[in-house]
Amino acid sequence: MKKDKIVLSMEQIDRIIEMAWEDRTPFDAIHLQFGLKEQDVIKLMRRELKISSFKMWRSRVQGRKTKHNRIREDGTDRFKCSRQRFISNNKISKRGFK
């Protein structure tokens, strides 16, 4: 069974990278908005970043509780950056996510 390939624009790729770098944006939010699972985000980051930047991001994200909803501490519901509501084509900024 073949997996459907998701085609992303450069703006979408840039936004995914920005969301992946944000500490409080969980992978579930990226999946909700763009349809990419955590492993797909890792592959995208590996492909789009310089190797040193990818390694820095990976070490930063690995084990970070705020990036995974299922291991988040209670009270860490907010994941949006302060300017996220102003970013166009952002489905998440217009509805609640918990």
N, C-alpha and C. Protein backbone atom coordinates (compact mmCIF):
# COMPACT_ATOMS: atom_id res chain seq x y z
N MET A 1 0.83 -1.17 0.00
CA MET A 1 0.00 0.00 0.00
C MET A 1 0.88 1.24 0.00
N LYS A 2 0.72 2.10 -1.00
CA LYS A 2 1.53 3.30 -1.11
C LYS A 2 0.97 4.43 -0.26
N LYS A 3 1.87 5.19 0.31
CA LYS A 3 1.50 6.34 1.12
C LYS A 3 1.33 7.55 0.19
N ASP A 4 0.23 8.28 0.35
CA ASP A 4 0.02 9.48 -0.45
C ASP A 4 1.07 10.52 -0.08
N LYS A 5 1.68 11.11 -1.10
CA LYS A 5 2.70 12.11 -0.87
C LYS A 5 2.04 13.48 -0.76
N ILE A 6 2.39 14.23 0.27
CA ILE A 6 1.84 15.56 0.50
C ILE A 6 2.75 16.56 -0.20
N VAL A 7 2.16 17.40 -1.05
CA VAL A 7 2.90 18.43 -1.77
C VAL A 7 2.74 19.74 -1.00
N LEU A 8 3.87 20.34 -0.66
CA LEU A 8 3.86 21.57 0.13
C LEU A 8 4.51 22.70 -0.65
N SER A 9 3.97 23.90 -0.47
CA SER A 9 4.58 25.08 -1.08
C SER A 9 5.78 25.52 -0.23
N MET A 10 6.57 26.42 -0.75
CA MET A 10 7.72 26.93 0.01
C MET A 10 7.26 27.67 1.28
N GLU A 11 6.12 28.38 1.18
CA GLU A 11 5.59 29.08 2.35
C GLU A 11 5.18 28.08 3.43
N GLN A 12 4.57 26.97 3.02
CA GLN A 12 4.17 25.95 3.99
C GLN A 12 5.39 25.29 4.62
N ILE A 13 6.41 25.01 3.82
CA ILE A 13 7.64 24.41 4.35
C ILE A 13 8.28 25.36 5.36
N ASP A 14 8.34 26.64 5.02
CA ASP A 14 8.91 27.63 5.94
C ASP A 14 8.12 27.68 7.24
N ARG A 15 6.79 27.62 7.15
CA ARG A 15 5.96 27.66 8.35
C ARG A 15 6.14 26.41 9.20
N ILE A 16 6.25 25.25 8.56
CA ILE A 16 6.48 24.01 9.30
C ILE A 16 7.81 24.08 10.05
N ILE A 17 8.84 24.58 9.39
CA ILE A 17 10.15 24.72 10.03
C ILE A 17 10.05 25.67 11.22
N GLU A 18 9.35 26.78 11.03
CA GLU A 18 9.18 27.74 12.13
C GLU A 18 8.43 27.10 13.30
N MET A 19 7.36 26.36 13.01
CA MET A 19 6.60 25.71 14.06
C MET A 19 7.42 24.63 14.75
N ALA A 20 8.26 23.92 14.00
CA ALA A 20 9.09 22.87 14.58
C ALA A 20 10.13 23.45 15.53
N TRP A 21 10.63 24.65 15.25
CA TRP A 21 11.60 25.30 16.12
C TRP A 21 10.96 25.87 17.37
N GLU A 22 9.66 26.21 17.30
CA GLU A 22 8.99 26.79 18.47
C GLU A 22 8.88 25.76 19.58
N ASP A 23 9.24 26.14 20.78
CA ASP A 23 9.24 25.22 21.92
C ASP A 23 7.85 24.71 22.29
N ARG A 24 6.86 25.58 22.22
CA ARG A 24 5.54 25.22 22.72
C ARG A 24 4.61 24.67 21.65
N THR A 25 5.04 24.58 20.41
CA THR A 25 4.18 24.04 19.35
C THR A 25 4.38 22.54 19.27
N PRO A 26 3.37 21.75 19.63
CA PRO A 26 3.52 20.29 19.59
C PRO A 26 3.46 19.76 18.16
N PHE A 27 4.01 18.59 17.96
CA PHE A 27 3.96 17.95 16.66
C PHE A 27 2.51 17.70 16.24
N ASP A 28 1.63 17.53 17.20
CA ASP A 28 0.21 17.32 16.89
C ASP A 28 -0.39 18.53 16.18
N ALA A 29 0.05 19.74 16.53
CA ALA A 29 -0.44 20.95 15.87
C ALA A 29 0.03 20.99 14.41
N ILE A 30 1.25 20.56 14.15
CA ILE A 30 1.76 20.50 12.78
C ILE A 30 0.98 19.45 12.00
N HIS A 31 0.69 18.34 12.64
CA HIS A 31 -0.09 17.28 11.98
C HIS A 31 -1.50 17.77 11.66
N LEU A 32 -2.11 18.48 12.59
CA LEU A 32 -3.45 18.99 12.40
C LEU A 32 -3.51 19.97 11.22
N GLN A 33 -2.52 20.84 11.14
CA GLN A 33 -2.55 21.88 10.12
C GLN A 33 -2.04 21.41 8.76
N PHE A 34 -1.00 20.57 8.74
CA PHE A 34 -0.36 20.22 7.47
C PHE A 34 -0.44 18.74 7.12
N GLY A 35 -0.89 17.90 8.04
CA GLY A 35 -1.02 16.48 7.76
C GLY A 35 0.29 15.71 7.86
N LEU A 36 1.31 16.30 8.48
CA LEU A 36 2.60 15.64 8.62
C LEU A 36 2.75 15.07 10.03
N LYS A 37 3.11 13.82 10.13
CA LYS A 37 3.37 13.21 11.43
C LYS A 37 4.77 13.61 11.89
N GLU A 38 5.08 13.28 13.13
CA GLU A 38 6.38 13.66 13.69
C GLU A 38 7.54 13.16 12.82
N GLN A 39 7.47 11.92 12.37
CA GLN A 39 8.55 11.37 11.53
C GLN A 39 8.67 12.13 10.21
N ASP A 40 7.54 12.57 9.65
CA ASP A 40 7.58 13.36 8.41
C ASP A 40 8.22 14.72 8.65
N VAL A 41 7.95 15.32 9.80
CA VAL A 41 8.56 16.60 10.14
C VAL A 41 10.07 16.43 10.29
N ILE A 42 10.48 15.35 10.92
CA ILE A 42 11.92 15.08 11.08
C ILE A 42 12.58 14.92 9.72
N LYS A 43 11.95 14.19 8.82
CA LYS A 43 12.50 14.03 7.46
C LYS A 43 12.59 15.36 6.73
N LEU A 44 11.54 16.19 6.86
CA LEU A 44 11.53 17.50 6.22
C LEU A 44 12.65 18.37 6.78
N MET A 45 12.81 18.37 8.09
CA MET A 45 13.86 19.17 8.71
C MET A 45 15.24 18.68 8.28
N ARG A 46 15.42 17.38 8.20
CA ARG A 46 16.70 16.82 7.75
C ARG A 46 17.01 17.27 6.32
N ARG A 47 15.97 17.30 5.49
CA ARG A 47 16.14 17.65 4.08
C ARG A 47 16.37 19.15 3.89
N GLU A 48 15.69 19.99 4.68
CA GLU A 48 15.69 21.43 4.44
C GLU A 48 16.77 22.20 5.20
N LEU A 49 17.24 21.66 6.32
CA LEU A 49 18.23 22.38 7.13
C LEU A 49 19.64 21.92 6.82
N LYS A 50 20.61 22.78 7.16
CA LYS A 50 22.00 22.36 7.12
C LYS A 50 22.17 21.27 8.17
N ILE A 51 23.14 20.40 8.00
CA ILE A 51 23.32 19.26 8.92
C ILE A 51 23.55 19.75 10.35
N SER A 52 24.32 20.81 10.52
CA SER A 52 24.57 21.31 11.87
C SER A 52 23.29 21.88 12.50
N SER A 53 22.48 22.55 11.71
CA SER A 53 21.21 23.09 12.21
C SER A 53 20.25 21.96 12.55
N PHE A 54 20.23 20.92 11.71
CA PHE A 54 19.36 19.78 11.99
C PHE A 54 19.77 19.10 13.29
N LYS A 55 21.06 18.90 13.50
CA LYS A 55 21.53 18.25 14.72
C LYS A 55 21.19 19.10 15.95
N MET A 56 21.33 20.42 15.83
CA MET A 56 21.00 21.31 16.95
C MET A 56 19.49 21.22 17.25
N TRP A 57 18.66 21.25 16.19
CA TRP A 57 17.21 21.15 16.38
C TRP A 57 16.83 19.81 17.01
N ARG A 58 17.42 18.74 16.51
CA ARG A 58 17.09 17.39 17.00
C ARG A 58 17.43 17.25 18.47
N SER A 59 18.61 17.73 18.86
CA SER A 59 18.99 17.62 20.27
C SER A 59 18.10 18.51 21.14
N ARG A 60 17.66 19.62 20.59
CA ARG A 60 16.78 20.54 21.33
C ARG A 60 15.38 19.93 21.52
N VAL A 61 14.86 19.27 20.50
CA VAL A 61 13.49 18.76 20.51
C VAL A 61 13.37 17.41 21.20
N GLN A 62 14.39 16.62 21.11
CA GLN A 62 14.33 15.25 21.62
C GLN A 62 14.02 15.25 23.12
N GLY A 63 12.92 14.63 23.48
CA GLY A 63 12.54 14.52 24.88
C GLY A 63 11.88 15.74 25.46
N ARG A 64 11.70 16.78 24.66
CA ARG A 64 11.07 18.01 25.16
C ARG A 64 9.58 17.75 25.37
N LYS A 65 9.12 17.93 26.58
CA LYS A 65 7.73 17.62 26.93
C LYS A 65 6.73 18.48 26.17
N THR A 66 7.08 19.73 25.89
CA THR A 66 6.12 20.63 25.26
C THR A 66 5.88 20.29 23.79
N LYS A 67 6.72 19.46 23.19
CA LYS A 67 6.56 19.10 21.78
C LYS A 67 5.67 17.88 21.61
N HIS A 68 5.30 17.23 22.69
CA HIS A 68 4.49 16.01 22.62
C HIS A 68 3.31 16.15 23.56
N ASN A 69 2.10 16.21 23.00
CA ASN A 69 0.90 16.41 23.83
C ASN A 69 0.73 15.34 24.89
N ARG A 70 1.06 14.11 24.58
CA ARG A 70 0.79 13.03 25.53
C ARG A 70 1.70 13.07 26.75
N ILE A 71 2.84 13.75 26.69
CA ILE A 71 3.72 13.85 27.87
C ILE A 71 3.81 15.28 28.40
N ARG A 72 2.97 16.17 27.89
CA ARG A 72 2.95 17.55 28.38
C ARG A 72 2.47 17.61 29.81
N GLU A 73 2.99 18.56 30.55
CA GLU A 73 2.52 18.78 31.92
C GLU A 73 1.17 19.46 31.87
N ASP A 74 0.36 19.26 32.90
CA ASP A 74 -0.92 19.94 32.98
C ASP A 74 -0.68 21.44 33.05
N GLY A 75 -1.54 22.19 32.36
CA GLY A 75 -1.40 23.64 32.36
C GLY A 75 -0.60 24.16 31.19
N THR A 76 -0.05 23.30 30.35
CA THR A 76 0.69 23.73 29.17
C THR A 76 -0.22 23.57 27.97
N ASP A 77 -1.26 24.38 27.93
CA ASP A 77 -2.22 24.27 26.84
C ASP A 77 -1.89 25.20 25.68
N ARG A 78 -1.26 26.31 25.94
CA ARG A 78 -0.97 27.28 24.91
C ARG A 78 0.23 26.83 24.10
N PHE A 79 0.08 26.82 22.77
CA PHE A 79 1.22 26.44 21.93
C PHE A 79 1.52 27.49 20.89
N LYS A 80 0.68 28.50 20.78
CA LYS A 80 0.86 29.49 19.72
C LYS A 80 1.86 30.55 20.15
N CYS A 81 2.69 30.97 19.21
CA CYS A 81 3.57 32.10 19.49
C CYS A 81 2.72 33.36 19.47
N SER A 82 3.21 34.43 20.02
CA SER A 82 2.43 35.65 20.17
C SER A 82 2.01 36.24 18.83
N ARG A 83 2.75 36.00 17.76
CA ARG A 83 2.42 36.57 16.46
C ARG A 83 1.73 35.58 15.52
N GLN A 84 1.43 34.39 16.00
CA GLN A 84 0.88 33.34 15.13
C GLN A 84 -0.48 33.72 14.56
N ARG A 85 -1.29 34.44 15.31
CA ARG A 85 -2.63 34.78 14.81
C ARG A 85 -2.57 35.70 13.60
N PHE A 86 -1.45 36.37 13.38
CA PHE A 86 -1.31 37.28 12.25
C PHE A 86 -0.77 36.60 11.00
N ILE A 87 -0.36 35.36 11.11
CA ILE A 87 0.21 34.65 9.97
C ILE A 87 -0.93 34.14 9.12
N SER A 88 -0.88 34.44 7.83
CA SER A 88 -1.97 34.04 6.94
C SER A 88 -1.98 32.54 6.71
N ASN A 89 -3.12 32.01 6.34
CA ASN A 89 -3.33 30.59 6.07
C ASN A 89 -3.05 29.72 7.28
N ASN A 90 -3.26 30.25 8.46
CA ASN A 90 -3.01 29.50 9.67
C ASN A 90 -4.34 29.05 10.25
N LYS A 91 -4.69 27.79 10.01
CA LYS A 91 -5.98 27.25 10.45
C LYS A 91 -6.09 27.21 11.96
N ILE A 92 -5.00 26.94 12.64
CA ILE A 92 -5.04 26.72 14.08
C ILE A 92 -5.32 28.00 14.84
N SER A 93 -4.86 29.13 14.35
CA SER A 93 -5.02 30.38 15.09
C SER A 93 -6.48 30.79 15.22
N LYS A 94 -7.36 30.22 14.41
CA LYS A 94 -8.76 30.60 14.42
C LYS A 94 -9.63 29.68 15.26
N ARG A 95 -9.04 28.68 15.90
CA ARG A 95 -9.83 27.79 16.74
C ARG A 95 -8.99 27.29 17.91
N GLY A 96 -9.66 26.83 18.90
CA GLY A 96 -8.95 26.33 20.09
C GLY A 96 -8.34 24.98 19.83
N PHE A 97 -7.29 24.67 20.53
CA PHE A 97 -6.61 23.38 20.40
C PHE A 97 -6.11 23.00 21.77
N LYS A 98 -6.56 21.83 22.23
CA LYS A 98 -6.09 21.35 23.54
C LYS A 98 -5.76 19.90 23.44
